[in-house]
């Protein structure tokens, strides 16, 4: 899949067009193109101080959380079971390695320095 979308493989990818898509107004000395005005009704902005209270910020925070959670691609049940099994097996192996190293180092230290009994 990823190989199909690599840059530079299409002949059109190598052609660069330096011409702007829209010409700037010659009377405009800064070279920018002004936005096109439409005839749609303009909503008037609310006359507020621009400051939102703590309740408004908290509400916006939760709305953003919900919006981000809607973007998440959730795993299927089969994927979830597979991922969970992989994590449990990996943690079991890692735990066994740490326990083995701890036991080995403890025995090595006791053999090297003795048990401390006189």
PDB file of N, CA and C in Angstrom:
ATOM      1  N   UNK A   1       0.811  -1.186   0.000  1.00  0.00           N
ATOM      2  CA  UNK A   1       0.000   0.000   0.000  1.00  0.00           C
ATOM      3  C   UNK A   1       0.861   1.260   0.000  1.00  0.00           C
ATOM      4  N   UNK A   2       1.828   1.315   0.929  1.00  0.00           N
ATOM      5  CA  UNK A   2       2.650   2.505   1.047  1.00  0.00           C
ATOM      6  C   UNK A   2       3.538   2.690  -0.170  1.00  0.00           C
ATOM      7  N   UNK A   3       3.913   1.580  -0.816  1.00  0.00           N
ATOM      8  CA  UNK A   3       4.774   1.698  -1.983  1.00  0.00           C
ATOM      9  C   UNK A   3       4.064   2.405  -3.130  1.00  0.00           C
ATOM     10  N   UNK A   4       2.740   2.277  -3.188  1.00  0.00           N
ATOM     11  CA  UNK A   4       1.984   2.881  -4.276  1.00  0.00           C
ATOM     12  C   UNK A   4       1.941   4.401  -4.181  1.00  0.00           C
ATOM     13  N   UNK A   5       2.195   4.953  -3.016  1.00  0.00           N
ATOM     14  CA  UNK A   5       2.012   6.386  -2.829  1.00  0.00           C
ATOM     15  C   UNK A   5       3.328   7.125  -2.599  1.00  0.00           C
ATOM     16  N   UNK A   6       4.433   6.552  -2.979  1.00  0.00           N
ATOM     17  CA  UNK A   6       5.706   7.222  -2.776  1.00  0.00           C
ATOM     18  C   UNK A   6       5.867   8.369  -3.758  1.00  0.00           C
ATOM     19  N   UNK A   7       6.547   9.405  -3.293  1.00  0.00           N
ATOM     20  CA  UNK A   7       6.748  10.572  -4.136  1.00  0.00           C
ATOM     21  C   UNK A   7       7.824  10.292  -5.171  1.00  0.00           C
ATOM     22  N   UNK A   8       7.674  10.895  -6.324  1.00  0.00           N
ATOM     23  CA  UNK A   8       8.681  10.821  -7.359  1.00  0.00           C
ATOM     24  C   UNK A   8       8.518   9.671  -8.325  1.00  0.00           C
ATOM     25  N   UNK A   9       7.554   8.792  -8.112  1.00  0.00           N
ATOM     26  CA  UNK A   9       7.371   7.664  -9.012  1.00  0.00           C
ATOM     27  C   UNK A   9       6.467   8.014 -10.184  1.00  0.00           C
ATOM     28  N   UNK A  10       5.620   8.977 -10.036  1.00  0.00           N
ATOM     29  CA  UNK A  10       4.742   9.409 -11.114  1.00  0.00           C
ATOM     30  C   UNK A  10       5.470  10.458 -11.951  1.00  0.00           C
ATOM     31  N   UNK A  11       5.307  10.444 -13.273  1.00  0.00           N
ATOM     32  CA  UNK A  11       5.952  11.476 -14.104  1.00  0.00           C
ATOM     33  C   UNK A  11       5.467  12.879 -13.755  1.00  0.00           C
ATOM     34  N   UNK A  12       4.229  12.995 -13.314  1.00  0.00           N
ATOM     35  CA  UNK A  12       3.699  14.318 -12.978  1.00  0.00           C
ATOM     36  C   UNK A  12       4.329  14.867 -11.706  1.00  0.00           C
ATOM     37  N   UNK A  13       4.923  13.994 -10.874  1.00  0.00           N
ATOM     38  CA  UNK A  13       5.547  14.456  -9.638  1.00  0.00           C
ATOM     39  C   UNK A  13       6.811  15.258  -9.904  1.00  0.00           C
ATOM     40  N   UNK A  14       7.452  15.018 -11.036  1.00  0.00           N
ATOM     41  CA  UNK A  14       8.705  15.686 -11.346  1.00  0.00           C
ATOM     42  C   UNK A  14       8.506  17.050 -12.000  1.00  0.00           C
ATOM     43  N   UNK A  15       7.288  17.380 -12.416  1.00  0.00           N
ATOM     44  CA  UNK A  15       7.037  18.648 -13.082  1.00  0.00           C
ATOM     45  C   UNK A  15       6.615  19.679 -12.044  1.00  0.00           C
ATOM     46  N   UNK A  16       7.306  20.802 -12.057  1.00  0.00           N
ATOM     47  CA  UNK A  16       6.988  21.873 -11.131  1.00  0.00           C
ATOM     48  C   UNK A  16       6.520  23.081 -11.919  1.00  0.00           C
ATOM     49  N   UNK A  17       5.458  23.684 -11.470  1.00  0.00           N
ATOM     50  CA  UNK A  17       4.909  24.859 -12.120  1.00  0.00           C
ATOM     51  C   UNK A  17       5.096  26.028 -11.172  1.00  0.00           C
ATOM     52  N   UNK A  18       5.945  26.984 -11.550  1.00  0.00           N
ATOM     53  CA  UNK A  18       6.222  28.119 -10.689  1.00  0.00           C
ATOM     54  C   UNK A  18       5.238  29.259 -10.864  1.00  0.00           C
ATOM     55  N   UNK A  19       4.311  29.129 -11.770  1.00  0.00           N
ATOM     56  CA  UNK A  19       3.330  30.182 -11.999  1.00  0.00           C
ATOM     57  C   UNK A  19       2.273  30.142 -10.904  1.00  0.00           C
ATOM     58  N   UNK A  20       1.908  31.298 -10.367  1.00  0.00           N
ATOM     59  CA  UNK A  20       0.834  31.305  -9.368  1.00  0.00           C
ATOM     60  C   UNK A  20      -0.497  30.962 -10.023  1.00  0.00           C
ATOM     61  N   UNK A  21      -1.372  30.346  -9.244  1.00  0.00           N
ATOM     62  CA  UNK A  21      -2.668  29.949  -9.789  1.00  0.00           C
ATOM     63  C   UNK A  21      -3.579  31.143 -10.010  1.00  0.00           C
ATOM     64  N   UNK A  22      -3.464  32.169  -9.182  1.00  0.00           N
ATOM     65  CA  UNK A  22      -4.256  33.381  -9.368  1.00  0.00           C
ATOM     66  C   UNK A  22      -3.300  34.553  -9.460  1.00  0.00           C
ATOM     67  N   UNK A  23      -3.601  35.449 -10.339  1.00  0.00           N
ATOM     68  CA  UNK A  23      -2.749  36.618 -10.507  1.00  0.00           C
ATOM     69  C   UNK A  23      -3.096  37.661  -9.458  1.00  0.00           C
ATOM     70  N   UNK A  24      -2.081  38.318  -8.943  1.00  0.00           N
ATOM     71  CA  UNK A  24      -2.292  39.371  -7.954  1.00  0.00           C
ATOM     72  C   UNK A  24      -2.753  40.639  -8.661  1.00  0.00           C
ATOM     73  N   UNK A  25      -3.513  41.419  -7.958  1.00  0.00           N
ATOM     74  CA  UNK A  25      -3.994  42.689  -8.494  1.00  0.00           C
ATOM     75  C   UNK A  25      -2.796  43.621  -8.655  1.00  0.00           C
ATOM     76  N   UNK A  26      -2.584  44.199  -9.851  1.00  0.00           N
ATOM     77  CA  UNK A  26      -1.425  45.072 -10.031  1.00  0.00           C
ATOM     78  C   UNK A  26      -1.479  46.305  -9.137  1.00  0.00           C
ATOM     79  N   UNK A  27      -2.659  46.725  -8.738  1.00  0.00           N
ATOM     80  CA  UNK A  27      -2.764  47.897  -7.875  1.00  0.00           C
ATOM     81  C   UNK A  27      -2.355  47.561  -6.445  1.00  0.00           C
ATOM     82  N   UNK A  28      -2.372  46.297  -6.103  1.00  0.00           N
ATOM     83  CA  UNK A  28      -2.008  45.871  -4.757  1.00  0.00           C
ATOM     84  C   UNK A  28      -0.493  45.750  -4.706  1.00  0.00           C
ATOM     85  N   UNK A  29       0.161  46.629  -3.966  1.00  0.00           N
ATOM     86  CA  UNK A  29       1.610  46.668  -3.984  1.00  0.00           C
ATOM     87  C   UNK A  29       2.257  45.631  -3.067  1.00  0.00           C
ATOM     88  N   UNK A  30       1.485  44.943  -2.229  1.00  0.00           N
ATOM     89  CA  UNK A  30       2.117  43.960  -1.351  1.00  0.00           C
ATOM     90  C   UNK A  30       2.106  42.559  -1.949  1.00  0.00           C
ATOM     91  N   UNK A  31       1.519  42.351  -3.113  1.00  0.00           N
ATOM     92  CA  UNK A  31       1.556  41.078  -3.803  1.00  0.00           C
ATOM     93  C   UNK A  31       0.564  40.051  -3.305  1.00  0.00           C
ATOM     94  N   UNK A  32      -0.287  40.415  -2.362  1.00  0.00           N
ATOM     95  CA  UNK A  32      -1.258  39.458  -1.843  1.00  0.00           C
ATOM     96  C   UNK A  32      -2.557  39.565  -2.618  1.00  0.00           C
ATOM     97  N   UNK A  33      -3.251  38.455  -2.687  1.00  0.00           N
ATOM     98  CA  UNK A  33      -4.556  38.426  -3.326  1.00  0.00           C
ATOM     99  C   UNK A  33      -5.599  38.550  -2.232  1.00  0.00           C
ATOM    100  N   UNK A  34      -6.518  39.512  -2.381  1.00  0.00           N
ATOM    101  CA  UNK A  34      -7.557  39.693  -1.383  1.00  0.00           C
ATOM    102  C   UNK A  34      -8.570  38.563  -1.476  1.00  0.00           C
ATOM    103  N   UNK A  35      -9.192  38.268  -0.359  1.00  0.00           N
ATOM    104  CA  UNK A  35     -10.207  37.213  -0.320  1.00  0.00           C
ATOM    105  C   UNK A  35     -11.422  37.643  -1.124  1.00  0.00           C
ATOM    106  N   UNK A  36     -12.066  36.676  -1.725  1.00  0.00           N
ATOM    107  CA  UNK A  36     -13.257  36.951  -2.512  1.00  0.00           C
ATOM    108  C   UNK A  36     -14.422  37.155  -1.561  1.00  0.00           C
ATOM    109  N   UNK A  37     -15.135  38.238  -1.773  1.00  0.00           N
ATOM    110  CA  UNK A  37     -16.277  38.514  -0.912  1.00  0.00           C
ATOM    111  C   UNK A  37     -17.507  37.833  -1.481  1.00  0.00           C
ATOM    112  N   UNK A  38     -18.295  37.240  -0.609  1.00  0.00           N
ATOM    113  CA  UNK A  38     -19.539  36.637  -1.056  1.00  0.00           C
ATOM    114  C   UNK A  38     -20.703  37.449  -0.502  1.00  0.00           C
ATOM    115  N   UNK A  39     -21.880  37.172  -1.016  1.00  0.00           N
ATOM    116  CA  UNK A  39     -23.056  37.932  -0.613  1.00  0.00           C
ATOM    117  C   UNK A  39     -23.824  37.258   0.518  1.00  0.00           C
ATOM    118  N   UNK A  40     -23.228  36.286   1.189  1.00  0.00           N
ATOM    119  CA  UNK A  40     -23.926  35.608   2.277  1.00  0.00           C
ATOM    120  C   UNK A  40     -24.024  36.539   3.483  1.00  0.00           C
ATOM    121  N   UNK A  41     -25.080  36.381   4.264  1.00  0.00           N
ATOM    122  CA  UNK A  41     -25.226  37.245   5.432  1.00  0.00           C
ATOM    123  C   UNK A  41     -24.102  36.993   6.431  1.00  0.00           C
ATOM    124  N   UNK A  42     -23.616  38.062   6.991  1.00  0.00           N
ATOM    125  CA  UNK A  42     -22.499  37.984   7.922  1.00  0.00           C
ATOM    126  C   UNK A  42     -23.042  37.936   9.341  1.00  0.00           C
ATOM    127  N   UNK A  43     -22.549  36.978  10.115  1.00  0.00           N
ATOM    128  CA  UNK A  43     -22.958  36.901  11.513  1.00  0.00           C
ATOM    129  C   UNK A  43     -22.164  37.925  12.303  1.00  0.00           C
ATOM    130  N   UNK A  44     -22.851  38.630  13.129  1.00  0.00           N
ATOM    131  CA  UNK A  44     -22.167  39.610  13.952  1.00  0.00           C
ATOM    132  C   UNK A  44     -21.586  38.917  15.173  1.00  0.00           C
ATOM    133  N   UNK A  45     -20.384  39.290  15.501  1.00  0.00           N
ATOM    134  CA  UNK A  45     -19.722  38.697  16.657  1.00  0.00           C
ATOM    135  C   UNK A  45     -20.369  39.210  17.934  1.00  0.00           C
ATOM    136  N   UNK A  46     -20.384  38.343  18.930  1.00  0.00           N
ATOM    137  CA  UNK A  46     -20.940  38.751  20.216  1.00  0.00           C
ATOM    138  C   UNK A  46     -20.025  39.786  20.845  1.00  0.00           C
ATOM    139  N   UNK A  47     -20.609  40.742  21.475  1.00  0.00           N
ATOM    140  CA  UNK A  47     -19.835  41.776  22.144  1.00  0.00           C
ATOM    141  C   UNK A  47     -19.480  41.264  23.540  1.00  0.00           C
ATOM    142  N   UNK A  48     -18.355  40.583  23.639  1.00  0.00           N
ATOM    143  CA  UNK A  48     -17.921  40.105  24.948  1.00  0.00           C
ATOM    144  C   UNK A  48     -16.497  40.569  25.175  1.00  0.00           C
ATOM    145  N   UNK A  49     -16.071  40.419  26.374  1.00  0.00           N
ATOM    146  CA  UNK A  49     -14.738  40.875  26.718  1.00  0.00           C
ATOM    147  C   UNK A  49     -13.664  39.926  26.197  1.00  0.00           C
ATOM    148  N   UNK A  50     -14.079  38.797  25.590  1.00  0.00           N
ATOM    149  CA  UNK A  50     -13.115  37.854  25.062  1.00  0.00           C
ATOM    150  C   UNK A  50     -12.626  36.869  26.103  1.00  0.00           C
ATOM    151  N   UNK A  51     -13.059  37.025  27.308  1.00  0.00           N
ATOM    152  CA  UNK A  51     -12.645  36.148  28.387  1.00  0.00           C
ATOM    153  C   UNK A  51     -13.736  35.150  28.688  1.00  0.00           C
ATOM    154  N   UNK A  52     -13.345  33.905  28.873  1.00  0.00           N
ATOM    155  CA  UNK A  52     -14.304  32.859  29.180  1.00  0.00           C
ATOM    156  C   UNK A  52     -14.077  32.442  30.624  1.00  0.00           C
ATOM    157  N   UNK A  53     -15.167  32.261  31.340  1.00  0.00           N
ATOM    158  CA  UNK A  53     -15.071  31.885  32.741  1.00  0.00           C
ATOM    159  C   UNK A  53     -14.655  30.438  32.913  1.00  0.00           C
ATOM    160  N   UNK A  54     -14.452  30.027  34.161  1.00  0.00           N
ATOM    161  CA  UNK A  54     -14.003  28.653  34.412  1.00  0.00           C
ATOM    162  C   UNK A  54     -15.029  27.607  33.986  1.00  0.00           C
ATOM    163  N   UNK A  55     -16.315  27.905  34.092  1.00  0.00           N
ATOM    164  CA  UNK A  55     -17.343  26.954  33.670  1.00  0.00           C
ATOM    165  C   UNK A  55     -17.305  26.802  32.148  1.00  0.00           C
ATOM    166  N   UNK A  56     -17.133  27.905  31.434  1.00  0.00           N
ATOM    167  CA  UNK A  56     -17.047  27.855  29.977  1.00  0.00           C
ATOM    168  C   UNK A  56     -15.817  27.100  29.508  1.00  0.00           C
ATOM    169  N   UNK A  57     -14.692  27.300  30.200  1.00  0.00           N
ATOM    170  CA  UNK A  57     -13.470  26.580  29.839  1.00  0.00           C
ATOM    171  C   UNK A  57     -13.620  25.088  30.102  1.00  0.00           C
ATOM    172  N   UNK A  58     -14.275  24.741  31.204  1.00  0.00           N
ATOM    173  CA  UNK A  58     -14.494  23.334  31.523  1.00  0.00           C
ATOM    174  C   UNK A  58     -15.405  22.682  30.482  1.00  0.00           C
ATOM    175  N   UNK A  59     -16.450  23.402  30.074  1.00  0.00           N
ATOM    176  CA  UNK A  59     -17.339  22.884  29.038  1.00  0.00           C
ATOM    177  C   UNK A  59     -16.619  22.690  27.721  1.00  0.00           C
ATOM    178  N   UNK A  60     -15.783  23.670  27.352  1.00  0.00           N
ATOM    179  CA  UNK A  60     -15.019  23.554  26.107  1.00  0.00           C
ATOM    180  C   UNK A  60     -14.044  22.384  26.181  1.00  0.00           C
ATOM    181  N   UNK A  61     -13.446  22.175  27.350  1.00  0.00           N
ATOM    182  CA  UNK A  61     -12.521  21.063  27.551  1.00  0.00           C
ATOM    183  C   UNK A  61     -13.213  19.727  27.281  1.00  0.00           C
ATOM    184  N   UNK A  62     -14.412  19.533  27.846  1.00  0.00           N
ATOM    185  CA  UNK A  62     -15.126  18.274  27.650  1.00  0.00           C
ATOM    186  C   UNK A  62     -15.624  18.122  26.213  1.00  0.00           C
ATOM    187  N   UNK A  63     -16.011  19.228  25.567  1.00  0.00           N
ATOM    188  CA  UNK A  63     -16.412  19.145  24.159  1.00  0.00           C
ATOM    189  C   UNK A  63     -15.234  18.718  23.286  1.00  0.00           C
ATOM    190  N   UNK A  64     -14.040  19.231  23.599  1.00  0.00           N
ATOM    191  CA  UNK A  64     -12.856  18.848  22.838  1.00  0.00           C
ATOM    192  C   UNK A  64     -12.492  17.384  23.082  1.00  0.00           C
ATOM    193  N   UNK A  65     -12.700  16.908  24.318  1.00  0.00           N
ATOM    194  CA  UNK A  65     -12.442  15.495  24.608  1.00  0.00           C
ATOM    195  C   UNK A  65     -13.348  14.615  23.755  1.00  0.00           C
ATOM    196  N   UNK A  66     -14.631  14.944  23.719  1.00  0.00           N
ATOM    197  CA  UNK A  66     -15.584  14.153  22.938  1.00  0.00           C
ATOM    198  C   UNK A  66     -15.220  14.208  21.458  1.00  0.00           C
ATOM    199  N   UNK A  67     -14.825  15.380  20.966  1.00  0.00           N
ATOM    200  CA  UNK A  67     -14.459  15.512  19.554  1.00  0.00           C
ATOM    201  C   UNK A  67     -13.236  14.656  19.224  1.00  0.00           C
ATOM    202  N   UNK A  68     -12.255  14.615  20.117  1.00  0.00           N
ATOM    203  CA  UNK A  68     -11.064  13.806  19.871  1.00  0.00           C
ATOM    204  C   UNK A  68     -11.378  12.320  19.949  1.00  0.00           C
ATOM    205  N   UNK A  69     -12.257  11.926  20.881  1.00  0.00           N
ATOM    206  CA  UNK A  69     -12.604  10.509  21.000  1.00  0.00           C
ATOM    207  C   UNK A  69     -13.392  10.021  19.792  1.00  0.00           C
ATOM    208  N   UNK A  70     -14.094  10.907  19.108  1.00  0.00           N
ATOM    209  CA  UNK A  70     -14.808  10.504  17.894  1.00  0.00           C
ATOM    210  C   UNK A  70     -13.845  10.227  16.749  1.00  0.00           C
ATOM    211  N   UNK A  71     -12.647  10.809  16.799  1.00  0.00           N
ATOM    212  CA  UNK A  71     -11.655  10.604  15.750  1.00  0.00           C
ATOM    213  C   UNK A  71     -10.904   9.277  15.912  1.00  0.00           C
ATOM    214  N   UNK A  72     -10.979   8.676  17.095  1.00  0.00           N
ATOM    215  CA  UNK A  72     -10.216   7.467  17.385  1.00  0.00           C
ATOM    216  C   UNK A  72     -10.758   6.294  16.574  1.00  0.00           C
ATOM    217  N   UNK A  73      -9.859   5.505  16.027  1.00  0.00           N
ATOM    218  CA  UNK A  73     -10.247   4.267  15.354  1.00  0.00           C
ATOM    219  C   UNK A  73     -10.113   3.161  16.396  1.00  0.00           C
ATOM    220  N   UNK A  74     -11.237   2.700  16.897  1.00  0.00           N
ATOM    221  CA  UNK A  74     -11.246   1.730  17.977  1.00  0.00           C
ATOM    222  C   UNK A  74     -10.968   0.339  17.420  1.00  0.00           C
ATOM    223  N   UNK A  75     -10.215  -0.507  18.172  1.00  0.00           N
ATOM    224  CA  UNK A  75      -9.940  -1.865  17.697  1.00  0.00           C
ATOM    225  C   UNK A  75     -11.178  -2.750  17.795  1.00  0.00           C
ATOM    226  N   UNK A  76     -11.210  -3.766  16.941  1.00  0.00           N
ATOM    227  CA  UNK A  76     -12.297  -4.739  17.010  1.00  0.00           C
ATOM    228  C   UNK A  76     -12.054  -5.653  18.207  1.00  0.00           C
ATOM    229  N   UNK A  77     -13.048  -6.470  18.543  1.00  0.00           N
ATOM    230  CA  UNK A  77     -12.902  -7.381  19.682  1.00  0.00           C
ATOM    231  C   UNK A  77     -11.741  -8.353  19.440  1.00  0.00           C
ATOM    232  N   UNK A  78     -11.611  -8.853  18.215  1.00  0.00           N
ATOM    233  CA  UNK A  78     -10.534  -9.792  17.900  1.00  0.00           C
ATOM    234  C   UNK A  78      -9.165  -9.128  18.069  1.00  0.00           C
ATOM    235  N   UNK A  79      -9.028  -7.901  17.565  1.00  0.00           N
ATOM    236  CA  UNK A  79      -7.768  -7.174  17.721  1.00  0.00           C
ATOM    237  C   UNK A  79      -7.464  -6.914  19.191  1.00  0.00           C
ATOM    238  N   UNK A  80      -8.485  -6.554  19.955  1.00  0.00           N
ATOM    239  CA  UNK A  80      -8.297  -6.259  21.371  1.00  0.00           C
ATOM    240  C   UNK A  80      -7.823  -7.490  22.134  1.00  0.00           C
ATOM    241  N   UNK A  81      -8.423  -8.654  21.844  1.00  0.00           N
ATOM    242  CA  UNK A  81      -8.005  -9.899  22.501  1.00  0.00           C
ATOM    243  C   UNK A  81      -6.567 -10.239  22.106  1.00  0.00           C
ATOM    244  N   UNK A  82      -6.238 -10.063  20.832  1.00  0.00           N
ATOM    245  CA  UNK A  82      -4.879 -10.349  20.366  1.00  0.00           C
ATOM    246  C   UNK A  82      -3.867  -9.434  21.045  1.00  0.00           C
ATOM    247  N   UNK A  83      -4.147  -8.143  21.083  1.00  0.00           N
ATOM    248  CA  UNK A  83      -3.227  -7.189  21.707  1.00  0.00           C
ATOM    249  C   UNK A  83      -3.068  -7.476  23.194  1.00  0.00           C
ATOM    250  N   UNK A  84      -4.162  -7.820  23.861  1.00  0.00           N
ATOM    251  CA  UNK A  84      -4.108  -8.117  25.290  1.00  0.00           C
ATOM    252  C   UNK A  84      -3.257  -9.356  25.542  1.00  0.00           C
ATOM    253  N   UNK A  85      -3.429 -10.390  24.727  1.00  0.00           N
ATOM    254  CA  UNK A  85      -2.636 -11.613  24.885  1.00  0.00           C
ATOM    255  C   UNK A  85      -1.153 -11.333  24.658  1.00  0.00           C
ATOM    256  N   UNK A  86      -0.835 -10.526  23.657  1.00  0.00           N
ATOM    257  CA  UNK A  86       0.564 -10.191  23.381  1.00  0.00           C
ATOM    258  C   UNK A  86       1.172  -9.452  24.566  1.00  0.00           C
ATOM    259  N   UNK A  87       0.445  -8.517  25.142  1.00  0.00           N
ATOM    260  CA  UNK A  87       0.956  -7.750  26.282  1.00  0.00           C
ATOM    261  C   UNK A  87       1.170  -8.659  27.487  1.00  0.00           C
ATOM    262  N   UNK A  88       0.226  -9.553  27.768  1.00  0.00           N
ATOM    263  CA  UNK A  88       0.351 -10.444  28.926  1.00  0.00           C
ATOM    264  C   UNK A  88       1.539 -11.391  28.749  1.00  0.00           C
ATOM    265  N   UNK A  89       1.717 -11.951  27.552  1.00  0.00           N
ATOM    266  CA  UNK A  89       2.853 -12.843  27.300  1.00  0.00           C
ATOM    267  C   UNK A  89       4.167 -12.078  27.427  1.00  0.00           C
ATOM    268  N   UNK A  90       4.231 -10.886  26.845  1.00  0.00           N
ATOM    269  CA  UNK A  90       5.451 -10.082  26.911  1.00  0.00           C
ATOM    270  C   UNK A  90       5.798  -9.734  28.353  1.00  0.00           C
ATOM    271  N   UNK A  91       4.814  -9.316  29.139  1.00  0.00           N
ATOM    272  CA  UNK A  91       5.073  -8.970  30.536  1.00  0.00           C
ATOM    273  C   UNK A  91       5.476 -10.192  31.351  1.00  0.00           C
ATOM    274  N   UNK A  92       4.904 -11.345  31.063  1.00  0.00           N
ATOM    275  CA  UNK A  92       5.284 -12.573  31.772  1.00  0.00           C
ATOM    276  C   UNK A  92       6.741 -12.926  31.491  1.00  0.00           C
ATOM    277  N   UNK A  93       7.147 -12.824  30.229  1.00  0.00           N
ATOM    278  CA  UNK A  93       8.538 -13.121  29.867  1.00  0.00           C
ATOM    279  C   UNK A  93       9.480 -12.122  30.523  1.00  0.00           C
ATOM    280  N   UNK A  94       9.135 -10.852  30.473  1.00  0.00           N
ATOM    281  CA  UNK A  94       9.981  -9.824  31.074  1.00  0.00           C
ATOM    282  C   UNK A  94      10.075 -10.005  32.587  1.00  0.00           C
ATOM    283  N   UNK A  95       8.970 -10.357  33.234  1.00  0.00           N
ATOM    284  CA  UNK A  95       8.973 -10.591  34.678  1.00  0.00           C
ATOM    285  C   UNK A  95       9.864 -11.784  35.019  1.00  0.00           C
ATOM    286  N   UNK A  96       9.791 -12.846  34.228  1.00  0.00           N
ATOM    287  CA  UNK A  96      10.635 -14.020  34.468  1.00  0.00           C
ATOM    288  C   UNK A  96      12.113 -13.664  34.325  1.00  0.00           C
ATOM    289  N   UNK A  97      12.446 -12.829  33.346  1.00  0.00           N
ATOM    290  CA  UNK A  97      13.839 -12.409  33.162  1.00  0.00           C
ATOM    291  C   UNK A  97      14.317 -11.608  34.367  1.00  0.00           C
ATOM    292  N   UNK A  98      13.513 -10.664  34.834  1.00  0.00           N
ATOM    293  CA  UNK A  98      13.903  -9.831  35.974  1.00  0.00           C
ATOM    294  C   UNK A  98      14.037 -10.679  37.237  1.00  0.00           C
ATOM    295  N   UNK A  99      13.098 -11.600  37.467  1.00  0.00           N
ATOM    296  CA  UNK A  99      13.172 -12.475  38.646  1.00  0.00           C
ATOM    297  C   UNK A  99      14.428 -13.340  38.568  1.00  0.00           C
ATOM    298  N   UNK A 100      14.720 -13.891  37.401  1.00  0.00           N
ATOM    299  CA  UNK A 100      15.922 -14.714  37.235  1.00  0.00           C
ATOM    300  C   UNK A 100      17.197 -13.929  37.486  1.00  0.00           C
ATOM    301  N   UNK A 101      17.281 -12.718  36.937  1.00  0.00           N
ATOM    302  CA  UNK A 101      18.464 -11.886  37.172  1.00  0.00           C
ATOM    303  C   UNK A 101      18.597 -11.513  38.642  1.00  0.00           C
ATOM    304  N   UNK A 102      17.505 -11.165  39.280  1.00  0.00           N
ATOM    305  CA  UNK A 102      17.529 -10.802  40.693  1.00  0.00           C
ATOM    306  C   UNK A 102      18.008 -11.981  41.539  1.00  0.00           C
ATOM    307  N   UNK A 103      17.473 -13.159  41.267  1.00  0.00           N
ATOM    308  CA  UNK A 103      17.863 -14.355  42.011  1.00  0.00           C
ATOM    309  C   UNK A 103      19.346 -14.662  41.780  1.00  0.00           C
ATOM    310  N   UNK A 104      19.790 -14.577  40.530  1.00  0.00           N
ATOM    311  CA  UNK A 104      21.189 -14.850  40.206  1.00  0.00           C
ATOM    312  C   UNK A 104      22.137 -13.861  40.858  1.00  0.00           C
ATOM    313  N   UNK A 105      21.799 -12.574  40.805  1.00  0.00           N
ATOM    314  CA  UNK A 105      22.656 -11.573  41.439  1.00  0.00           C
ATOM    315  C   UNK A 105      22.681 -11.740  42.958  1.00  0.00           C
ATOM    316  N   UNK A 106      21.548 -12.074  43.552  1.00  0.00           N
ATOM    317  CA  UNK A 106      21.500 -12.281  45.005  1.00  0.00           C
ATOM    318  C   UNK A 106      22.393 -13.454  45.401  1.00  0.00           C
ATOM    319  N   UNK A 107      22.306 -14.567  44.680  1.00  0.00           N
ATOM    320  CA  UNK A 107      23.157 -15.724  44.972  1.00  0.00           C
ATOM    321  C   UNK A 107      24.631 -15.383  44.747  1.00  0.00           C
ATOM    322  N   UNK A 108      24.923 -14.624  43.687  1.00  0.00           N
ATOM    323  CA  UNK A 108      26.305 -14.237  43.405  1.00  0.00           C
ATOM    324  C   UNK A 108      26.885 -13.345  44.485  1.00  0.00           C
ATOM    325  N   UNK A 109      26.118 -12.380  44.955  1.00  0.00           N
ATOM    326  CA  UNK A 109      26.587 -11.478  46.009  1.00  0.00           C
ATOM    327  C   UNK A 109      26.799 -12.253  47.306  1.00  0.00           C
ATOM    328  N   UNK A 110      25.875 -13.144  47.644  1.00  0.00           N
ATOM    329  CA  UNK A 110      26.026 -13.942  48.862  1.00  0.00           C
ATOM    330  C   UNK A 110      27.245 -14.858  48.763  1.00  0.00           C
ATOM    331  N   UNK A 111      27.499 -15.408  47.579  1.00  0.00           N
ATOM    332  CA  UNK A 111      28.671 -16.273  47.413  1.00  0.00           C
ATOM    333  C   UNK A 111      29.956 -15.462  47.484  1.00  0.00           C
ATOM    334  N   UNK A 112      29.918 -14.240  46.965  1.00  0.00           N
ATOM    335  CA  UNK A 112      31.114 -13.404  46.927  1.00  0.00           C
ATOM    336  C   UNK A 112      31.456 -12.833  48.298  1.00  0.00           C
ATOM    337  N   UNK A 113      30.462 -12.319  48.999  1.00  0.00           N
ATOM    338  CA  UNK A 113      30.714 -11.644  50.270  1.00  0.00           C
ATOM    339  C   UNK A 113      30.334 -12.486  51.485  1.00  0.00           C
ATOM    340  N   UNK A 114      29.710 -13.576  51.302  1.00  0.00           N
ATOM    341  CA  UNK A 114      29.304 -14.421  52.419  1.00  0.00           C
ATOM    342  C   UNK A 114      27.928 -14.049  52.907  1.00  0.00           C
ATOM    343  N   UNK A 115      27.428 -14.820  53.845  1.00  0.00           N
ATOM    344  CA  UNK A 115      26.073 -14.600  54.333  1.00  0.00           C
ATOM    345  C   UNK A 115      26.013 -13.569  55.437  1.00  0.00           C
ATOM    346  N   UNK A 116      27.152 -13.143  55.963  1.00  0.00           N
ATOM    347  CA  UNK A 116      27.160 -12.124  57.009  1.00  0.00           C
ATOM    348  C   UNK A 116      27.049 -12.690  58.404  1.00  0.00           C
ATOM    349  N   UNK A 117      26.971 -14.009  58.567  1.00  0.00           N
ATOM    350  CA  UNK A 117      26.892 -14.632  59.887  1.00  0.00           C
ATOM    351  C   UNK A 117      28.297 -14.882  60.409  1.00  0.00           C
ATOM    352  N   UNK A 118      28.495 -14.618  61.719  1.00  0.00           N
ATOM    353  CA  UNK A 118      29.800 -14.834  62.342  1.00  0.00           C
ATOM    354  C   UNK A 118      29.764 -15.968  63.300  1.00  0.00           C
TER     355      UNK A 118
END
